[in-house]
C-alpha atoms as a PDB file:
ATOM      1  CA  MET A   1     -54.460  48.056 -45.437  1.00  0.00           C
ATOM      2  CA  MET A   2     -53.906  45.430 -48.149  1.00  0.00           C
ATOM      3  CA  PRO A   3     -54.876  46.119 -51.730  1.00  0.00           C
ATOM      4  CA  ALA A   4     -57.834  44.170 -53.121  1.00  0.00           C
ATOM      5  CA  ASP A   5     -55.498  42.066 -55.298  1.00  0.00           C
ATOM      6  CA  GLY A   6     -53.540  40.672 -52.337  1.00  0.00           C
ATOM      7  CA  PRO A   7     -50.263  41.543 -50.621  1.00  0.00           C
ATOM      8  CA  LEU A   8     -47.683  43.664 -52.360  1.00  0.00           C
ATOM      9  CA  VAL A   9     -44.949  41.542 -53.884  1.00  0.00           C
ATOM     10  CA  PRO A  10     -41.818  43.208 -55.223  1.00  0.00           C
ATOM     11  CA  PRO A  11     -41.209  42.657 -58.919  1.00  0.00           C
ATOM     12  CA  PRO A  12     -38.578  40.046 -59.809  1.00  0.00           C
ATOM     13  CA  VAL A  13     -35.061  41.399 -60.083  1.00  0.00           C
ATOM     14  CA  PRO A  14     -34.127  41.552 -63.758  1.00  0.00           C
ATOM     15  CA  PRO A  15     -31.004  39.645 -64.770  1.00  0.00           C
ATOM     16  CA  VAL A  16     -27.763  41.563 -65.158  1.00  0.00           C
ATOM     17  CA  PRO A  17     -27.560  42.588 -68.820  1.00  0.00           C
ATOM     18  CA  GLY A  18     -25.180  40.428 -70.809  1.00  0.00           C
ATOM     19  CA  LEU A  19     -24.778  37.692 -68.213  1.00  0.00           C
ATOM     20  CA  LEU A  20     -26.268  34.280 -68.940  1.00  0.00           C
ATOM     21  CA  GLU A  21     -28.410  32.295 -66.545  1.00  0.00           C
ATOM     22  CA  VAL A  22     -27.582  28.638 -65.861  1.00  0.00           C
ATOM     23  CA  ALA A  23     -30.607  27.543 -67.900  1.00  0.00           C
ATOM     24  CA  HIS A  24     -29.357  29.441 -70.942  1.00  0.00           C
ATOM     25  CA  VAL A  25     -25.836  28.001 -70.585  1.00  0.00           C
ATOM     26  CA  ALA A  26     -27.288  24.501 -70.248  1.00  0.00           C
ATOM     27  CA  HIS A  27     -29.309  25.026 -73.416  1.00  0.00           C
ATOM     28  CA  ARG A  28     -26.238  26.256 -75.317  1.00  0.00           C
ATOM     29  CA  LEU A  29     -24.231  23.209 -74.174  1.00  0.00           C
ATOM     30  CA  SER A  30     -27.132  20.765 -74.675  1.00  0.00           C
ATOM     31  CA  ALA A  31     -26.601  19.736 -71.069  1.00  0.00           C
ATOM     32  CA  SER A  32     -28.545  19.749 -67.825  1.00  0.00           C
ATOM     33  CA  GLN A  33     -28.600  22.711 -65.479  1.00  0.00           C
ATOM     34  CA  GLU A  34     -27.147  20.515 -62.739  1.00  0.00           C
ATOM     35  CA  TYR A  35     -24.165  19.667 -64.987  1.00  0.00           C
ATOM     36  CA  VAL A  36     -23.547  23.383 -65.570  1.00  0.00           C
ATOM     37  CA  ARG A  37     -23.717  24.054 -61.810  1.00  0.00           C
ATOM     38  CA  GLU A  38     -21.228  21.205 -61.279  1.00  0.00           C
ATOM     39  CA  LEU A  39     -18.825  22.747 -63.820  1.00  0.00           C
ATOM     40  CA  ILE A  40     -19.112  26.047 -61.957  1.00  0.00           C
ATOM     41  CA  ARG A  41     -18.642  24.502 -58.485  1.00  0.00           C
ATOM     42  CA  LYS A  42     -15.562  22.588 -59.679  1.00  0.00           C
ATOM     43  CA  GLY A  43     -14.086  25.790 -61.151  1.00  0.00           C
ATOM     44  CA  ARG A  44     -14.124  24.505 -64.740  1.00  0.00           C
ATOM     45  CA  LEU A  45     -16.535  27.211 -65.918  1.00  0.00           C
ATOM     46  CA  PRO A  46     -16.035  30.700 -64.452  1.00  0.00           C
ATOM     47  CA  ALA A  47     -19.177  32.289 -63.060  1.00  0.00           C
ATOM     48  CA  ILE A  48     -20.435  35.169 -60.987  1.00  0.00           C
ATOM     49  CA  GLN A  49     -22.502  34.375 -57.933  1.00  0.00           C
ATOM     50  CA  ILE A  50     -25.319  36.801 -57.226  1.00  0.00           C
ATOM     51  CA  GLY A  51     -27.090  35.722 -54.069  1.00  0.00           C
ATOM     52  CA  ARG A  52     -27.657  31.996 -54.490  1.00  0.00           C
ATOM     53  CA  ARG A  53     -27.721  32.114 -58.284  1.00  0.00           C
ATOM     54  CA  TYR A  54     -24.913  31.828 -60.801  1.00  0.00           C
ATOM     55  CA  ARG A  55     -24.479  33.929 -63.921  1.00  0.00           C
ATOM     56  CA  VAL A  56     -21.948  33.263 -66.688  1.00  0.00           C
ATOM     57  CA  ASP A  57     -20.247  35.866 -68.828  1.00  0.00           C
ATOM     58  CA  PRO A  58     -20.686  34.977 -72.525  1.00  0.00           C
ATOM     59  CA  VAL A  59     -16.934  35.521 -73.025  1.00  0.00           C
ATOM     60  CA  ASP A  60     -16.208  32.835 -70.401  1.00  0.00           C
ATOM     61  CA  LEU A  61     -18.691  30.445 -72.011  1.00  0.00           C
ATOM     62  CA  LYS A  62     -17.042  30.924 -75.415  1.00  0.00           C
ATOM     63  CA  ALA A  63     -13.601  30.308 -73.872  1.00  0.00           C
ATOM     64  CA  PHE A  64     -14.912  27.128 -72.207  1.00  0.00           C
ATOM     65  CA  ILE A  65     -16.324  25.875 -75.517  1.00  0.00           C
ATOM     66  CA  ASP A  66     -13.140  26.751 -77.418  1.00  0.00           C
ATOM     67  CA  LYS A  67     -11.001  24.987 -74.808  1.00  0.00           C
ATOM     68  CA  HIS A  68     -12.974  21.771 -75.308  1.00  0.00           C
ATOM     69  CA  ARG A  69     -13.061  21.928 -79.100  1.00  0.00           C
ATOM     70  CA  ILE A  70     -11.602  18.901 -80.866  1.00  0.00           C
ATOM     71  CA  ALA A  71      -9.779  19.426 -84.142  1.00  0.00           C
ATOM     72  CA  PRO A  72     -11.251  17.668 -87.176  1.00  0.00           C
ATOM     73  CA  GLY A  73     -10.056  14.074 -87.239  1.00  0.00           C
ATOM     74  CA  GLY A  74      -8.774  14.393 -83.654  1.00  0.00           C
ATOM     75  CA  GLU A  75      -9.993  12.554 -80.601  1.00  0.00           C
END
């Protein structure tokens, strides 16, 4: 018997605490989500794959940003 509100749907799985979703990483980099996925696929940004979704450790994101930092006056 189905409840009056419709079929039972399991609640969404909460994100792993501390790991960043692609959307959050894209926001932090002022880039598109597709660009972030491309960085991950090419191995330039380490990530953890959970099912079909990627998650990024904040430590890895900071290392990625630091690696691409340009010194003042540098090019």
